[in-house]
Protein backbone atom coordinates (compact mmCIF):
# COMPACT_ATOMS: atom_id res chain seq x y z
CA UNK A 1 0.00 0.00 0.00
CA UNK A 2 1.43 3.37 -1.02
CA UNK A 3 1.62 6.22 1.48
CA UNK A 4 -1.44 8.47 1.60
CA UNK A 5 -0.47 12.07 0.98
CA UNK A 6 -2.46 15.29 0.96
CA UNK A 7 -5.05 15.44 -1.79
CA UNK A 8 -8.16 17.37 -2.72
CA UNK A 9 -9.02 20.95 -3.51
CA UNK A 10 -6.15 23.26 -2.62
CA UNK A 11 -6.49 26.24 -0.33
CA UNK A 12 -5.39 28.48 -3.21
CA UNK A 13 -8.20 27.18 -5.41
CA UNK A 14 -10.76 27.69 -2.64
CA UNK A 15 -9.63 31.27 -2.15
CA UNK A 16 -9.99 32.00 -5.87
CA UNK A 17 -13.44 30.46 -6.00
CA UNK A 18 -14.68 32.29 -2.93
CA UNK A 19 -13.29 35.76 -3.42
CA UNK A 20 -12.41 36.17 -7.05
CA UNK A 21 -14.63 33.94 -9.16
CA UNK A 22 -13.16 33.61 -12.65
CA UNK A 23 -9.54 34.64 -13.02
CA UNK A 24 -9.96 38.39 -13.50
CA UNK A 25 -7.11 40.17 -11.76
CA UNK A 26 -5.68 40.74 -8.32
CA UNK A 27 -7.76 39.87 -5.27
CA UNK A 28 -9.38 42.85 -3.56
CA UNK A 29 -8.18 42.18 -0.04
CA UNK A 30 -9.74 45.44 1.15
CA UNK A 31 -13.18 43.77 1.23
CA UNK A 32 -12.54 41.13 3.92
CA UNK A 33 -10.00 43.41 5.62
CA UNK A 34 -12.61 46.15 6.07
CA UNK A 35 -15.08 43.68 7.53
CA UNK A 36 -12.52 42.37 10.02
CA UNK A 37 -11.32 45.86 10.94
CA UNK A 38 -14.48 46.79 12.85
CA UNK A 39 -13.79 45.95 16.56
CA UNK A 40 -17.09 44.21 17.29
CA UNK A 41 -16.84 42.05 14.19
CA UNK A 42 -13.22 41.25 15.02
CA UNK A 43 -14.26 40.05 18.48
CA UNK A 44 -16.98 37.87 16.93
CA UNK A 45 -14.49 36.24 14.57
CA UNK A 46 -12.03 35.63 17.40
CA UNK A 47 -14.80 34.07 19.50
CA UNK A 48 -15.64 31.65 16.68
CA UNK A 49 -12.09 30.87 15.58
CA UNK A 50 -12.05 27.51 17.40
CA UNK A 51 -14.74 26.12 15.10
CA UNK A 52 -17.69 26.29 17.49
CA UNK A 53 -21.16 27.45 16.50
CA UNK A 54 -22.53 30.09 18.89
CA UNK A 55 -25.88 31.90 19.10
CA UNK A 56 -26.18 35.62 18.50
CA UNK A 57 -26.91 36.30 22.18
CA UNK A 58 -23.56 34.87 23.28
CA UNK A 59 -21.73 36.60 20.45
CA UNK A 60 -23.27 39.92 21.47
CA UNK A 61 -21.78 39.42 24.92
CA UNK A 62 -18.39 38.54 23.41
CA UNK A 63 -18.50 41.60 21.17
CA UNK A 64 -19.72 43.95 23.87
CA UNK A 65 -22.57 45.37 21.82
CA UNK A 66 -26.37 45.24 21.90
CA UNK A 67 -28.05 42.28 20.12
CA UNK A 68 -29.73 44.66 17.67
CA UNK A 69 -26.37 46.15 16.71
CA UNK A 70 -24.74 42.75 16.45
CA UNK A 71 -27.40 41.46 14.03
CA UNK A 72 -26.21 44.00 11.47
CA UNK A 73 -22.59 42.90 11.91
CA UNK A 74 -23.52 39.22 11.60
CA UNK A 75 -25.49 39.86 8.43
CA UNK A 76 -22.45 41.51 6.84
CA UNK A 77 -20.11 38.68 7.85
CA UNK A 78 -22.51 36.05 6.50
CA UNK A 79 -23.04 37.95 3.24
CA UNK A 80 -19.26 38.15 2.74
CA UNK A 81 -18.84 34.42 3.26
CA UNK A 82 -16.81 34.78 6.46
CA UNK A 83 -19.52 33.18 8.62
CA UNK A 84 -22.21 30.60 8.04
CA UNK A 85 -25.53 30.46 9.94
CA UNK A 86 -27.36 27.32 11.05
CA UNK A 87 -30.99 27.61 12.24
CA UNK A 88 -31.70 25.28 15.18
CA UNK A 89 -35.20 25.62 16.56
CA UNK A 90 -35.76 29.16 17.77
CA UNK A 91 -32.09 30.03 17.58
CA UNK A 92 -29.59 30.77 14.83
CA UNK A 93 -26.05 29.56 15.36
CA UNK A 94 -23.09 31.21 13.67
CA UNK A 95 -19.86 29.51 12.68
CA UNK A 96 -16.66 30.56 10.91
CA UNK A 97 -16.99 29.54 7.26
CA UNK A 98 -13.83 27.42 7.27
CA UNK A 99 -10.11 27.13 7.99
CA UNK A 100 -9.27 29.82 5.43
CA UNK A 101 -11.04 32.39 7.56
CA UNK A 102 -9.32 31.14 10.71
CA UNK A 103 -5.97 31.35 8.94
CA UNK A 104 -6.68 34.96 8.00
CA UNK A 105 -7.62 35.80 11.61
CA UNK A 106 -4.45 34.24 13.02
CA UNK A 107 -2.29 35.83 10.33
CA UNK A 108 -3.68 39.25 11.21
CA UNK A 109 -3.00 38.51 14.86
CA UNK A 110 0.67 38.18 14.02
CA UNK A 111 0.67 41.65 12.43
CA UNK A 112 -1.31 43.26 15.24
CA UNK A 113 0.07 44.98 18.34
CA UNK A 114 -0.17 42.82 21.41
CA UNK A 115 -2.90 43.68 23.88
CA UNK A 116 -1.19 44.68 27.13
CA UNK A 117 -1.50 42.04 29.86
CA UNK A 118 -3.16 43.93 32.70
CA UNK A 119 -3.99 41.05 35.02
CA UNK A 120 -2.95 37.55 36.08
CA UNK A 121 -6.05 36.26 34.29
CA UNK A 122 -4.91 37.70 30.96
CA UNK A 123 -1.42 36.28 31.44
CA UNK A 124 -2.90 32.88 32.21
CA UNK A 125 -4.98 33.07 29.03
CA UNK A 126 -1.91 33.64 26.88
CA UNK A 127 -0.12 30.72 28.55
CA UNK A 128 -3.13 28.45 28.04
CA UNK A 129 -3.22 29.19 24.31
CA UNK A 130 0.49 28.51 23.94
CA UNK A 131 0.14 25.24 25.84
CA UNK A 132 -2.74 23.67 23.87
CA UNK A 133 -5.47 25.11 21.69
CA UNK A 134 -7.61 24.42 18.68
CA UNK A 135 -6.59 25.83 15.30
CA UNK A 136 -10.08 25.67 13.78
CA UNK A 137 -10.71 21.93 14.34
CA UNK A 138 -7.21 20.49 14.91
CA UNK A 139 -4.64 20.68 17.70
CA UNK A 140 -2.11 23.47 17.97
CA UNK A 141 0.30 24.92 20.49
CA UNK A 142 2.82 22.77 22.37
CA UNK A 143 0.38 19.86 22.37
CA UNK A 144 -0.19 20.05 18.61
CA UNK A 145 3.49 20.11 17.68
CA UNK A 146 4.26 17.35 20.22
CA UNK A 147 1.67 15.06 18.61
CA UNK A 148 2.99 15.91 15.14
CA UNK A 149 6.54 15.15 16.23
CA UNK A 150 5.47 11.83 17.74
CA UNK A 151 3.67 10.80 14.55
CA UNK A 152 6.85 11.47 12.58
CA UNK A 153 9.13 9.72 15.08
CA UNK A 154 6.92 6.61 15.04
CA UNK A 155 6.72 6.52 11.21
CA UNK A 156 2.99 7.17 11.14
CA UNK A 157 3.81 10.15 8.92
CA UNK A 158 6.75 10.71 6.61
CA UNK A 159 8.03 13.45 4.34
CA UNK A 160 9.44 16.01 6.77
CA UNK A 161 10.82 16.55 10.27
CA UNK A 162 8.15 18.82 11.73
CA UNK A 163 10.48 21.80 11.82
CA UNK A 164 10.16 25.09 9.96
CA UNK A 165 13.13 25.71 7.68
CA UNK A 166 12.85 29.28 6.34
CA UNK A 167 15.50 28.75 3.66
CA UNK A 168 13.72 25.82 2.04
CA UNK A 169 10.19 26.96 2.91
CA UNK A 170 10.23 30.73 2.35
CA UNK A 171 6.55 30.85 1.40
CA UNK A 172 5.32 29.21 4.63
CA UNK A 173 3.86 31.76 7.01
CA UNK A 174 2.90 31.61 10.68
CA UNK A 175 -0.73 30.74 11.37
CA UNK A 176 -1.28 29.51 7.85
CA UNK A 177 -1.42 26.18 6.00
CA UNK A 178 2.04 25.16 4.85
CA UNK A 179 2.90 24.14 1.31
CA UNK A 180 6.64 23.38 1.29
CA UNK A 181 6.46 19.86 2.78
CA UNK A 182 4.36 17.00 1.42
CA UNK A 183 3.63 14.85 4.46
CA UNK A 184 2.24 11.38 3.80
CA UNK A 185 0.49 8.80 5.96
CA UNK A 186 2.45 5.55 5.81
CA UNK A 187 0.89 2.07 5.49
CA UNK A 188 1.96 1.36 9.07
CA UNK A 189 0.35 4.65 10.06
CA UNK A 190 -2.95 3.62 8.47
CA UNK A 191 -2.95 0.46 10.57
CA UNK A 192 -2.05 2.30 13.74
CA UNK A 193 -4.62 5.06 13.32
CA UNK A 194 -7.33 2.58 12.35
CA UNK A 195 -6.71 0.74 15.61
CA UNK A 196 -7.00 4.11 17.35
CA UNK A 197 -10.54 4.38 15.99
CA UNK A 198 -10.09 6.61 12.92
CA UNK A 199 -11.74 5.70 9.62
CA UNK A 200 -8.72 6.42 7.44
CA UNK A 201 -10.21 5.09 4.16
CA UNK A 202 -13.28 7.24 4.71
CA UNK A 203 -11.15 10.33 5.28
CA UNK A 204 -9.01 9.57 2.24
CA UNK A 205 -12.11 9.50 0.04
CA UNK A 206 -13.43 12.84 1.28
CA UNK A 207 -13.08 16.17 -0.50
CA UNK A 208 -10.92 17.68 2.23
CA UNK A 209 -7.17 16.99 1.92
CA UNK A 210 -6.17 14.10 4.16
CA UNK A 211 -2.79 15.33 5.42
CA UNK A 212 -1.92 18.99 5.74
CA UNK A 213 0.10 21.01 8.20
CA UNK A 214 0.05 24.52 9.61
CA UNK A 215 3.03 26.53 10.77
CA UNK A 216 2.19 27.02 14.43
CA UNK A 217 2.38 30.68 15.40
CA UNK A 218 3.50 30.14 19.01
CA UNK A 219 5.89 27.21 18.49
CA UNK A 220 7.03 28.03 14.92
CA UNK A 221 6.94 24.33 14.09
CA UNK A 222 4.44 22.21 12.18
CA UNK A 223 1.21 20.86 13.62
CA UNK A 224 -1.07 18.38 11.87
CA UNK A 225 -4.06 19.81 9.97
CA UNK A 226 -6.32 18.51 7.20
CA UNK A 227 -8.94 15.80 7.62
CA UNK A 228 -6.53 13.63 9.60
CA UNK A 229 -5.66 16.41 12.04
CA UNK A 230 -9.36 17.05 12.69
CA UNK A 231 -10.06 13.34 13.14
CA UNK A 232 -7.22 12.91 15.66
CA UNK A 233 -8.50 15.83 17.74
CA UNK A 234 -12.11 14.63 17.59
CA UNK A 235 -11.12 11.13 18.66
CA UNK A 236 -9.18 12.48 21.64
CA UNK A 237 -12.20 14.50 22.75
CA UNK A 238 -14.46 11.46 22.32
CA UNK A 239 -12.14 9.37 24.50
CA UNK A 240 -12.14 12.01 27.22
CA UNK A 241 -8.44 12.67 26.73
CA UNK A 242 -9.10 16.32 26.02
CA UNK A 243 -11.66 18.84 27.20
CA UNK A 244 -12.24 22.45 26.39
CA UNK A 245 -10.52 24.85 28.73
CA UNK A 246 -12.03 27.92 30.39
CA UNK A 247 -10.09 30.16 28.01
CA UNK A 248 -11.62 30.49 24.54
CA UNK A 249 -9.99 28.01 22.09
CA UNK A 250 -7.83 26.48 24.82
CA UNK A 251 -7.66 22.72 25.38
CA UNK A 252 -6.91 20.84 28.57
CA UNK A 253 -5.35 17.37 28.64
CA UNK A 254 -6.93 15.07 31.24
CA UNK A 255 -4.95 12.58 33.30
CA UNK A 256 -6.32 9.81 31.08
CA UNK A 257 -5.28 11.86 28.08
CA UNK A 258 -1.73 12.33 29.28
CA UNK A 259 -1.39 8.58 29.72
CA UNK A 260 -3.23 7.75 26.50
CA UNK A 261 -1.36 10.21 24.30
CA UNK A 262 1.93 8.94 25.65
CA UNK A 263 1.03 5.27 25.18
CA UNK A 264 -0.60 5.66 21.76
CA UNK A 265 1.59 8.27 20.11
CA UNK A 266 4.70 8.35 22.27
CA UNK A 267 4.28 12.09 22.78
CA UNK A 268 5.94 13.27 25.98
CA UNK A 269 3.97 16.29 27.14
CA UNK A 270 5.85 19.06 28.95
CA UNK A 271 5.13 19.53 32.65
CA UNK A 272 2.08 21.68 33.19
CA UNK A 273 0.35 20.57 29.99
CA UNK A 274 -2.16 18.39 31.82
CA UNK A 275 -5.73 19.31 32.67
């Protein structure tokens, strides 16, 4: 069995389809940039960047504006394709339209001035996000790069070393999907992940690329993305190895998770990365 590498519609193609339609010239980045520049809308996007769907009432609280004001902001974000809306009974739940939008949010975060840490709580939040977080629907932070490194060390994945090499990967950017390395899932990796409870053949036949990576913005190393990255994270939540932390987008590793991740993937988590 040949290694399974990334496949499917590329991020570049999706961007062209969404924002430019037929090839007709340079992308007008001022359109999404203007939408994200408004503070309330920016807070909404940050609140949804971990892939959750939230109702307008909670988003109004996150944004610090009245529900009537927020409805106008949400309508603009939906119309621009940055958010999707899902009616559920009496409520409407909003979700980031996909990993491209999350990548744009995190890329802008790298260009933005840091918000001053004015309290222990804010400092703890920053530490929690560095330790373990969700990058849309896959693991990031120290936990994400540790799992990626363990998958490479155990020959589940091949094709790279998990490190960012600026000379050979000059186009890779922090908080964005990488393109310089073509990671592949090995035949032994298929067997191992299937025994872990992941339907690898089903993922390989889906439209979403199976194996992708992002350049982690806090660790500046690679973490696993794509359909496989999402499946690994979902399985860990299902097993009770992970739970959502009190800080938005943060993830906590349970005691069972620390043992399970070590036994299954050989990932040694740094002290303090438990739940």
